[in-house]
PDB file of N, CA and C in Angstrom:
ATOM      1  N   UNK A   1     -79.841  42.599  32.430  1.00  0.00           N
ATOM      2  CA  UNK A   1     -79.412  41.389  33.103  1.00  0.00           C
ATOM      3  C   UNK A   1     -78.727  40.434  32.121  1.00  0.00           C
ATOM      4  N   UNK A   2     -79.320  40.269  30.943  1.00  0.00           N
ATOM      5  CA  UNK A   2     -78.727  39.374  29.953  1.00  0.00           C
ATOM      6  C   UNK A   2     -77.305  39.804  29.608  1.00  0.00           C
ATOM      7  N   UNK A   3     -77.129  41.095  29.376  1.00  0.00           N
ATOM      8  CA  UNK A   3     -75.797  41.603  29.049  1.00  0.00           C
ATOM      9  C   UNK A   3     -74.830  41.432  30.220  1.00  0.00           C
ATOM     10  N   UNK A   4     -75.293  41.748  31.422  1.00  0.00           N
ATOM     11  CA  UNK A   4     -74.430  41.641  32.609  1.00  0.00           C
ATOM     12  C   UNK A   4     -73.929  40.221  32.823  1.00  0.00           C
ATOM     13  N   UNK A   5     -74.770  39.245  32.521  1.00  0.00           N
ATOM     14  CA  UNK A   5     -74.393  37.844  32.713  1.00  0.00           C
ATOM     15  C   UNK A   5     -73.985  37.194  31.391  1.00  0.00           C
ATOM     16  N   UNK A   6     -73.741  38.038  30.394  1.00  0.00           N
ATOM     17  CA  UNK A   6     -73.199  37.629  29.090  1.00  0.00           C
ATOM     18  C   UNK A   6     -74.025  36.549  28.400  1.00  0.00           C
ATOM     19  N   UNK A   7     -75.338  36.557  28.642  1.00  0.00           N
ATOM     20  CA  UNK A   7     -76.256  35.591  28.023  1.00  0.00           C
ATOM     21  C   UNK A   7     -75.861  34.142  28.350  1.00  0.00           C
ATOM     22  N   UNK A   8     -75.255  33.929  29.503  1.00  0.00           N
ATOM     23  CA  UNK A   8     -74.822  32.582  29.904  1.00  0.00           C
ATOM     24  C   UNK A   8     -75.674  32.075  31.058  1.00  0.00           C
ATOM     25  N   UNK A   9     -76.103  30.839  30.944  1.00  0.00           N
ATOM     26  CA  UNK A   9     -76.923  30.221  31.986  1.00  0.00           C
ATOM     27  C   UNK A   9     -76.126  30.156  33.290  1.00  0.00           C
ATOM     28  N   UNK A  10     -76.665  30.779  34.306  1.00  0.00           N
ATOM     29  CA  UNK A  10     -75.997  30.830  35.601  1.00  0.00           C
ATOM     30  C   UNK A  10     -76.082  29.503  36.354  1.00  0.00           C
ATOM     31  N   UNK A  11     -77.007  28.639  35.950  1.00  0.00           N
ATOM     32  CA  UNK A  11     -77.162  27.332  36.582  1.00  0.00           C
ATOM     33  C   UNK A  11     -76.169  26.333  35.976  1.00  0.00           C
ATOM     34  N   UNK A  12     -76.048  26.322  34.655  1.00  0.00           N
ATOM     35  CA  UNK A  12     -75.071  25.459  33.981  1.00  0.00           C
ATOM     36  C   UNK A  12     -73.649  25.786  34.429  1.00  0.00           C
ATOM     37  N   UNK A  13     -73.421  27.061  34.697  1.00  0.00           N
ATOM     38  CA  UNK A  13     -72.096  27.525  35.113  1.00  0.00           C
ATOM     39  C   UNK A  13     -71.567  26.711  36.295  1.00  0.00           C
ATOM     40  N   UNK A  14     -72.449  26.345  37.211  1.00  0.00           N
ATOM     41  CA  UNK A  14     -72.018  25.594  38.397  1.00  0.00           C
ATOM     42  C   UNK A  14     -71.702  24.138  38.093  1.00  0.00           C
ATOM     43  N   UNK A  15     -72.039  23.697  36.891  1.00  0.00           N
ATOM     44  CA  UNK A  15     -71.649  22.356  36.447  1.00  0.00           C
ATOM     45  C   UNK A  15     -70.433  22.425  35.534  1.00  0.00           C
ATOM     46  N   UNK A  16     -69.848  23.614  35.405  1.00  0.00           N
ATOM     47  CA  UNK A  16     -68.695  23.795  34.536  1.00  0.00           C
ATOM     48  C   UNK A  16     -69.078  23.835  33.067  1.00  0.00           C
ATOM     49  N   UNK A  17     -70.338  24.112  32.780  1.00  0.00           N
ATOM     50  CA  UNK A  17     -70.829  24.138  31.406  1.00  0.00           C
ATOM     51  C   UNK A  17     -71.080  25.581  30.991  1.00  0.00           C
ATOM     52  N   UNK A  18     -70.609  25.936  29.809  1.00  0.00           N
ATOM     53  CA  UNK A  18     -70.869  27.258  29.250  1.00  0.00           C
ATOM     54  C   UNK A  18     -71.990  27.074  28.234  1.00  0.00           C
ATOM     55  N   UNK A  19     -73.155  27.625  28.552  1.00  0.00           N
ATOM     56  CA  UNK A  19     -74.323  27.458  27.696  1.00  0.00           C
ATOM     57  C   UNK A  19     -75.102  28.755  27.622  1.00  0.00           C
ATOM     58  N   UNK A  20     -75.527  29.086  26.425  1.00  0.00           N
ATOM     59  CA  UNK A  20     -76.276  30.320  26.224  1.00  0.00           C
ATOM     60  C   UNK A  20     -77.647  30.233  26.874  1.00  0.00           C
ATOM     61  N   UNK A  21     -78.043  31.326  27.473  1.00  0.00           N
ATOM     62  CA  UNK A  21     -79.376  31.452  28.037  1.00  0.00           C
ATOM     63  C   UNK A  21     -80.028  32.705  27.489  1.00  0.00           C
ATOM     64  N   UNK A  22     -81.308  32.615  27.193  1.00  0.00           N
ATOM     65  CA  UNK A  22     -82.014  33.765  26.633  1.00  0.00           C
ATOM     66  C   UNK A  22     -83.159  34.228  27.525  1.00  0.00           C
ATOM     67  N   UNK A  23     -83.300  33.587  28.678  1.00  0.00           N
ATOM     68  CA  UNK A  23     -84.392  33.907  29.587  1.00  0.00           C
ATOM     69  C   UNK A  23     -83.824  34.457  30.881  1.00  0.00           C
ATOM     70  N   UNK A  24     -84.488  35.476  31.423  1.00  0.00           N
ATOM     71  CA  UNK A  24     -84.144  35.981  32.749  1.00  0.00           C
ATOM     72  C   UNK A  24     -85.173  35.393  33.709  1.00  0.00           C
ATOM     73  N   UNK A  25     -84.687  34.672  34.698  1.00  0.00           N
ATOM     74  CA  UNK A  25     -85.533  33.926  35.628  1.00  0.00           C
ATOM     75  C   UNK A  25     -85.466  34.542  37.025  1.00  0.00           C
ATOM     76  N   UNK A  26     -86.562  34.464  37.753  1.00  0.00           N
ATOM     77  CA  UNK A  26     -86.554  34.841  39.175  1.00  0.00           C
ATOM     78  C   UNK A  26     -85.976  33.674  39.962  1.00  0.00           C
ATOM     79  N   UNK A  27     -84.909  33.915  40.678  1.00  0.00           N
ATOM     80  CA  UNK A  27     -84.261  32.865  41.470  1.00  0.00           C
ATOM     81  C   UNK A  27     -85.261  32.313  42.482  1.00  0.00           C
ATOM     82  N   UNK A  28     -85.876  33.197  43.247  1.00  0.00           N
ATOM     83  CA  UNK A  28     -86.988  32.818  44.119  1.00  0.00           C
ATOM     84  C   UNK A  28     -88.248  33.198  43.350  1.00  0.00           C
ATOM     85  N   UNK A  29     -89.133  32.237  43.088  1.00  0.00           N
ATOM     86  CA  UNK A  29     -90.309  32.538  42.269  1.00  0.00           C
ATOM     87  C   UNK A  29     -91.171  33.662  42.854  1.00  0.00           C
ATOM     88  N   UNK A  30     -91.774  34.421  41.949  1.00  0.00           N
ATOM     89  CA  UNK A  30     -92.611  35.552  42.354  1.00  0.00           C
ATOM     90  C   UNK A  30     -93.718  35.100  43.302  1.00  0.00           C
ATOM     91  N   UNK A  31     -94.315  33.959  43.020  1.00  0.00           N
ATOM     92  CA  UNK A  31     -95.399  33.464  43.882  1.00  0.00           C
ATOM     93  C   UNK A  31     -94.936  33.264  45.319  1.00  0.00           C
ATOM     94  N   UNK A  32     -93.687  32.822  45.480  1.00  0.00           N
ATOM     95  CA  UNK A  32     -93.160  32.547  46.818  1.00  0.00           C
ATOM     96  C   UNK A  32     -92.666  33.810  47.514  1.00  0.00           C
ATOM     97  N   UNK A  33     -92.301  34.824  46.724  1.00  0.00           N
ATOM     98  CA  UNK A  33     -91.772  36.051  47.301  1.00  0.00           C
ATOM     99  C   UNK A  33     -92.129  37.247  46.419  1.00  0.00           C
ATOM    100  N   UNK A  34     -93.396  37.680  46.449  1.00  0.00           N
ATOM    101  CA  UNK A  34     -93.845  38.766  45.573  1.00  0.00           C
ATOM    102  C   UNK A  34     -93.075  40.071  45.747  1.00  0.00           C
ATOM    103  N   UNK A  35     -92.547  40.322  46.925  1.00  0.00           N
ATOM    104  CA  UNK A  35     -91.816  41.565  47.173  1.00  0.00           C
ATOM    105  C   UNK A  35     -90.482  41.626  46.437  1.00  0.00           C
ATOM    106  N   UNK A  36     -89.994  40.479  45.957  1.00  0.00           N
ATOM    107  CA  UNK A  36     -88.712  40.438  45.261  1.00  0.00           C
ATOM    108  C   UNK A  36     -88.872  40.455  43.743  1.00  0.00           C
ATOM    109  N   UNK A  37     -90.073  40.695  43.273  1.00  0.00           N
ATOM    110  CA  UNK A  37     -90.351  40.670  41.831  1.00  0.00           C
ATOM    111  C   UNK A  37     -89.430  41.595  41.042  1.00  0.00           C
ATOM    112  N   UNK A  38     -89.202  42.787  41.521  1.00  0.00           N
ATOM    113  CA  UNK A  38     -88.392  43.773  40.809  1.00  0.00           C
ATOM    114  C   UNK A  38     -86.951  43.860  41.306  1.00  0.00           C
ATOM    115  N   UNK A  39     -86.578  43.000  42.227  1.00  0.00           N
ATOM    116  CA  UNK A  39     -85.232  43.010  42.804  1.00  0.00           C
ATOM    117  C   UNK A  39     -84.256  42.347  41.835  1.00  0.00           C
ATOM    118  N   UNK A  40     -83.312  43.120  41.300  1.00  0.00           N
ATOM    119  CA  UNK A  40     -82.394  42.554  40.313  1.00  0.00           C
ATOM    120  C   UNK A  40     -81.477  41.474  40.894  1.00  0.00           C
ATOM    121  N   UNK A  41     -81.284  41.469  42.196  1.00  0.00           N
ATOM    122  CA  UNK A  41     -80.464  40.409  42.798  1.00  0.00           C
ATOM    123  C   UNK A  41     -81.218  39.074  42.814  1.00  0.00           C
ATOM    124  N   UNK A  42     -82.501  39.106  42.468  1.00  0.00           N
ATOM    125  CA  UNK A  42     -83.311  37.891  42.401  1.00  0.00           C
ATOM    126  C   UNK A  42     -83.476  37.416  40.953  1.00  0.00           C
ATOM    127  N   UNK A  43     -82.635  37.910  40.049  1.00  0.00           N
ATOM    128  CA  UNK A  43     -82.737  37.542  38.647  1.00  0.00           C
ATOM    129  C   UNK A  43     -81.461  36.853  38.169  1.00  0.00           C
ATOM    130  N   UNK A  44     -81.635  35.874  37.300  1.00  0.00           N
ATOM    131  CA  UNK A  44     -80.485  35.173  36.725  1.00  0.00           C
ATOM    132  C   UNK A  44     -80.833  34.685  35.326  1.00  0.00           C
ATOM    133  N   UNK A  45     -79.838  34.690  34.449  1.00  0.00           N
ATOM    134  CA  UNK A  45     -80.003  34.141  33.106  1.00  0.00           C
ATOM    135  C   UNK A  45     -80.069  32.625  33.227  1.00  0.00           C
ATOM    136  N   UNK A  46     -80.985  32.027  32.455  1.00  0.00           N
ATOM    137  CA  UNK A  46     -81.179  30.584  32.521  1.00  0.00           C
ATOM    138  C   UNK A  46     -81.446  30.041  31.113  1.00  0.00           C
ATOM    139  N   UNK A  47     -80.932  28.859  30.824  1.00  0.00           N
ATOM    140  CA  UNK A  47     -81.175  28.224  29.529  1.00  0.00           C
ATOM    141  C   UNK A  47     -82.514  27.472  29.580  1.00  0.00           C
ATOM    142  N   UNK A  48     -82.965  27.032  28.433  1.00  0.00           N
ATOM    143  CA  UNK A  48     -84.267  26.370  28.344  1.00  0.00           C
ATOM    144  C   UNK A  48     -84.315  25.080  29.178  1.00  0.00           C
ATOM    145  N   UNK A  49     -83.286  24.251  29.076  1.00  0.00           N
ATOM    146  CA  UNK A  49     -83.329  22.971  29.807  1.00  0.00           C
ATOM    147  C   UNK A  49     -83.290  23.174  31.316  1.00  0.00           C
ATOM    148  N   UNK A  50     -82.486  24.124  31.787  1.00  0.00           N
ATOM    149  CA  UNK A  50     -82.460  24.409  33.230  1.00  0.00           C
ATOM    150  C   UNK A  50     -83.774  25.041  33.679  1.00  0.00           C
ATOM    151  N   UNK A  51     -84.369  25.866  32.830  1.00  0.00           N
ATOM    152  CA  UNK A  51     -85.638  26.501  33.188  1.00  0.00           C
ATOM    153  C   UNK A  51     -86.727  25.442  33.374  1.00  0.00           C
ATOM    154  N   UNK A  52     -86.721  24.444  32.507  1.00  0.00           N
ATOM    155  CA  UNK A  52     -87.696  23.351  32.631  1.00  0.00           C
ATOM    156  C   UNK A  52     -87.492  22.611  33.949  1.00  0.00           C
ATOM    157  N   UNK A  53     -86.245  22.246  34.265  1.00  0.00           N
ATOM    158  CA  UNK A  53     -85.945  21.550  35.522  1.00  0.00           C
ATOM    159  C   UNK A  53     -86.300  22.413  36.727  1.00  0.00           C
ATOM    160  N   UNK A  54     -85.968  23.693  36.644  1.00  0.00           N
ATOM    161  CA  UNK A  54     -86.223  24.589  37.774  1.00  0.00           C
ATOM    162  C   UNK A  54     -87.719  24.765  38.003  1.00  0.00           C
ATOM    163  N   UNK A  55     -88.495  24.843  36.945  1.00  0.00           N
ATOM    164  CA  UNK A  55     -89.952  24.972  37.088  1.00  0.00           C
ATOM    165  C   UNK A  55     -90.521  23.765  37.816  1.00  0.00           C
ATOM    166  N   UNK A  56     -90.096  22.580  37.444  1.00  0.00           N
ATOM    167  CA  UNK A  56     -90.551  21.351  38.113  1.00  0.00           C
ATOM    168  C   UNK A  56     -90.128  21.372  39.578  1.00  0.00           C
ATOM    169  N   UNK A  57     -88.877  21.758  39.832  1.00  0.00           N
ATOM    170  CA  UNK A  57     -88.360  21.825  41.209  1.00  0.00           C
ATOM    171  C   UNK A  57     -89.152  22.844  42.032  1.00  0.00           C
ATOM    172  N   UNK A  58     -89.455  24.014  41.438  1.00  0.00           N
ATOM    173  CA  UNK A  58     -90.226  25.039  42.153  1.00  0.00           C
ATOM    174  C   UNK A  58     -91.626  24.540  42.493  1.00  0.00           C
ATOM    175  N   UNK A  59     -92.231  23.813  41.592  1.00  0.00           N
ATOM    176  CA  UNK A  59     -93.567  23.276  41.857  1.00  0.00           C
ATOM    177  C   UNK A  59     -93.525  22.298  43.033  1.00  0.00           C
ATOM    178  N   UNK A  60     -92.493  21.471  43.083  1.00  0.00           N
ATOM    179  CA  UNK A  60     -92.373  20.498  44.168  1.00  0.00           C
ATOM    180  C   UNK A  60     -91.948  21.150  45.477  1.00  0.00           C
ATOM    181  N   UNK A  61     -91.047  22.115  45.398  1.00  0.00           N
ATOM    182  CA  UNK A  61     -90.475  22.735  46.596  1.00  0.00           C
ATOM    183  C   UNK A  61     -91.358  23.835  47.179  1.00  0.00           C
ATOM    184  N   UNK A  62     -91.808  24.732  46.317  1.00  0.00           N
ATOM    185  CA  UNK A  62     -92.585  25.894  46.770  1.00  0.00           C
ATOM    186  C   UNK A  62     -94.091  25.716  46.604  1.00  0.00           C
ATOM    187  N   UNK A  63     -94.493  24.764  45.781  1.00  0.00           N
ATOM    188  CA  UNK A  63     -95.913  24.595  45.495  1.00  0.00           C
ATOM    189  C   UNK A  63     -96.432  25.626  44.506  1.00  0.00           C
ATOM    190  N   UNK A  64     -95.558  26.117  43.637  1.00  0.00           N
ATOM    191  CA  UNK A  64     -95.952  27.123  42.647  1.00  0.00           C
ATOM    192  C   UNK A  64     -96.675  26.471  41.476  1.00  0.00           C
ATOM    193  N   UNK A  65     -97.348  27.301  40.723  1.00  0.00           N
ATOM    194  CA  UNK A  65     -98.031  26.818  39.524  1.00  0.00           C
ATOM    195  C   UNK A  65     -99.532  26.767  39.712  1.00  0.00           C
ATOM    196  N   UNK A  66    -100.211  26.650  38.597  1.00  0.00           N
ATOM    197  CA  UNK A  66    -101.671  26.641  38.580  1.00  0.00           C
ATOM    198  C   UNK A  66    -102.233  25.471  39.384  1.00  0.00           C
ATOM    199  N   UNK A  67    -103.243  25.744  40.161  1.00  0.00           N
ATOM    200  CA  UNK A  67    -103.974  24.747  40.959  1.00  0.00           C
ATOM    201  C   UNK A  67    -103.100  24.038  41.997  1.00  0.00           C
ATOM    202  N   UNK A  68    -102.055  24.703  42.458  1.00  0.00           N
ATOM    203  CA  UNK A  68    -101.201  24.135  43.502  1.00  0.00           C
ATOM    204  C   UNK A  68    -101.316  24.987  44.759  1.00  0.00           C
ATOM    205  N   UNK A  69    -101.025  24.378  45.870  1.00  0.00           N
ATOM    206  CA  UNK A  69    -101.061  25.102  47.137  1.00  0.00           C
ATOM    207  C   UNK A  69     -99.658  25.552  47.495  1.00  0.00           C
ATOM    208  N   UNK A  70     -99.492  26.862  47.640  1.00  0.00           N
ATOM    209  CA  UNK A  70     -98.193  27.437  47.948  1.00  0.00           C
ATOM    210  C   UNK A  70     -97.744  26.993  49.337  1.00  0.00           C
ATOM    211  N   UNK A  71     -96.510  26.510  49.411  1.00  0.00           N
ATOM    212  CA  UNK A  71     -95.925  26.080  50.684  1.00  0.00           C
ATOM    213  C   UNK A  71     -95.191  27.261  51.307  1.00  0.00           C
ATOM    214  N   UNK A  72     -95.244  27.362  52.590  1.00  0.00           N
ATOM    215  CA  UNK A  72     -94.552  28.440  53.295  1.00  0.00           C
ATOM    216  C   UNK A  72     -93.233  27.898  53.824  1.00  0.00           C
ATOM    217  N   UNK A  73     -92.215  28.004  52.977  1.00  0.00           N
ATOM    218  CA  UNK A  73     -90.884  27.525  53.338  1.00  0.00           C
ATOM    219  C   UNK A  73     -89.888  28.680  53.213  1.00  0.00           C
ATOM    220  N   UNK A  74     -88.731  28.495  53.786  1.00  0.00           N
ATOM    221  CA  UNK A  74     -87.676  29.494  53.653  1.00  0.00           C
ATOM    222  C   UNK A  74     -87.166  29.473  52.218  1.00  0.00           C
ATOM    223  N   UNK A  75     -87.135  30.630  51.607  1.00  0.00           N
ATOM    224  CA  UNK A  75     -86.698  30.743  50.217  1.00  0.00           C
ATOM    225  C   UNK A  75     -85.219  30.394  50.083  1.00  0.00           C
ATOM    226  N   UNK A  76     -84.895  29.720  49.002  1.00  0.00           N
ATOM    227  CA  UNK A  76     -83.506  29.386  48.689  1.00  0.00           C
ATOM    228  C   UNK A  76     -83.050  30.368  47.623  1.00  0.00           C
ATOM    229  N   UNK A  77     -82.032  31.141  47.942  1.00  0.00           N
ATOM    230  CA  UNK A  77     -81.573  32.202  47.052  1.00  0.00           C
ATOM    231  C   UNK A  77     -80.240  31.899  46.379  1.00  0.00           C
ATOM    232  N   UNK A  78     -79.596  30.822  46.766  1.00  0.00           N
ATOM    233  CA  UNK A  78     -78.278  30.482  46.240  1.00  0.00           C
ATOM    234  C   UNK A  78     -78.422  29.631  44.976  1.00  0.00           C
ATOM    235  N   UNK A  79     -77.960  30.160  43.849  1.00  0.00           N
ATOM    236  CA  UNK A  79     -78.108  29.469  42.571  1.00  0.00           C
ATOM    237  C   UNK A  79     -77.411  28.109  42.583  1.00  0.00           C
ATOM    238  N   UNK A  80     -76.246  28.031  43.182  1.00  0.00           N
ATOM    239  CA  UNK A  80     -75.518  26.757  43.235  1.00  0.00           C
ATOM    240  C   UNK A  80     -76.327  25.699  43.992  1.00  0.00           C
ATOM    241  N   UNK A  81     -76.945  26.076  45.086  1.00  0.00           N
ATOM    242  CA  UNK A  81     -77.772  25.152  45.863  1.00  0.00           C
ATOM    243  C   UNK A  81     -79.003  24.735  45.065  1.00  0.00           C
ATOM    244  N   UNK A  82     -79.661  25.700  44.435  1.00  0.00           N
ATOM    245  CA  UNK A  82     -80.840  25.386  43.621  1.00  0.00           C
ATOM    246  C   UNK A  82     -80.459  24.443  42.491  1.00  0.00           C
ATOM    247  N   UNK A  83     -79.343  24.713  41.826  1.00  0.00           N
ATOM    248  CA  UNK A  83     -78.868  23.871  40.733  1.00  0.00           C
ATOM    249  C   UNK A  83     -78.691  22.422  41.196  1.00  0.00           C
ATOM    250  N   UNK A  84     -78.046  22.262  42.338  1.00  0.00           N
ATOM    251  CA  UNK A  84     -77.814  20.913  42.871  1.00  0.00           C
ATOM    252  C   UNK A  84     -79.138  20.228  43.204  1.00  0.00           C
ATOM    253  N   UNK A  85     -80.033  20.946  43.858  1.00  0.00           N
ATOM    254  CA  UNK A  85     -81.317  20.356  44.262  1.00  0.00           C
ATOM    255  C   UNK A  85     -82.206  20.026  43.073  1.00  0.00           C
ATOM    256  N   UNK A  86     -82.275  20.921  42.094  1.00  0.00           N
ATOM    257  CA  UNK A  86     -83.179  20.672  40.968  1.00  0.00           C
ATOM    258  C   UNK A  86     -82.686  19.537  40.103  1.00  0.00           C
ATOM    259  N   UNK A  87     -81.375  19.352  40.018  1.00  0.00           N
ATOM    260  CA  UNK A  87     -80.835  18.256  39.206  1.00  0.00           C
ATOM    261  C   UNK A  87     -80.854  16.937  39.984  1.00  0.00           C
ATOM    262  N   UNK A  88     -80.727  17.028  41.305  1.00  0.00           N
ATOM    263  CA  UNK A  88     -80.802  15.828  42.153  1.00  0.00           C
ATOM    264  C   UNK A  88     -82.200  15.229  42.093  1.00  0.00           C
ATOM    265  N   UNK A  89     -83.215  16.067  42.163  1.00  0.00           N
ATOM    266  CA  UNK A  89     -84.593  15.590  42.135  1.00  0.00           C
ATOM    267  C   UNK A  89     -84.968  15.051  40.770  1.00  0.00           C
ATOM    268  N   UNK A  90     -84.279  15.512  39.731  1.00  0.00           N
ATOM    269  CA  UNK A  90     -84.587  15.052  38.373  1.00  0.00           C
ATOM    270  C   UNK A  90     -83.979  13.683  38.086  1.00  0.00           C
ATOM    271  N   UNK A  91     -82.875  13.352  38.747  1.00  0.00           N
ATOM    272  CA  UNK A  91     -82.195  12.048  38.506  1.00  0.00           C
ATOM    273  C   UNK A  91     -83.003  10.863  38.967  1.00  0.00           C
TER     274      UNK A  91
END
């Protein structure tokens, strides 16, 4: 996955930013969609700063994380939409 996406953060890309990413992230978190854990279409390269924002957004949106109650919502699979939402909530 890293090679296929040239080690570039797929979230920064939608802001017109070219930034190296070293982490492969599940677009829809495993907790919210366990059946997509091994689905390569559910993976994207992400940089550290976007990963931090996305983790916070996932906790608020999906209820993921330790000692949280998982929310049953429709999964968002579009990276551009997730990017906009996670950065909007951070502002």
